């Protein structure tokens, strides 16, 4: 018969190993869920100004999703509300031409404020208009 002290010396390390493995596997799964997510902001042709997205708003449509990309159809006001949750990922800015063609903006476009999130919202950009005067994107 195994004594209680020896049994606890076997069970406790085994239990700790299972818990540790579960935490590591769970972390890897969570990282893979958001890894590679892209946020495509479809902006009206010539748009400059703030884009404000308010997430988790009941009664508003969820963001469209194509593969691992969330699609934001930004109205001229720049304000968008959605029931979707805010998920981390890469942002891509795209102008939508009148004829429906999409023109992706370069990643190095100068911005006054850049981007950030706060209280369930993402504040995307306030473009520096003077740097865009001669841009083919306007």
Foldseek 3Di string as FASTA:
>chain_A
DDDPVVVCVVVVVVVVVVVVVVVVVVVVVVCVLQPPAEEEEEAEQPAFAKAKEAELDPPAAAFDDDDRYTYHDADSVNYYYYNDADGDDHYWYWYQYPVGDIDTDDPPQDFPPAWDDDDRMIIHTGHDVVSCPPPPRD
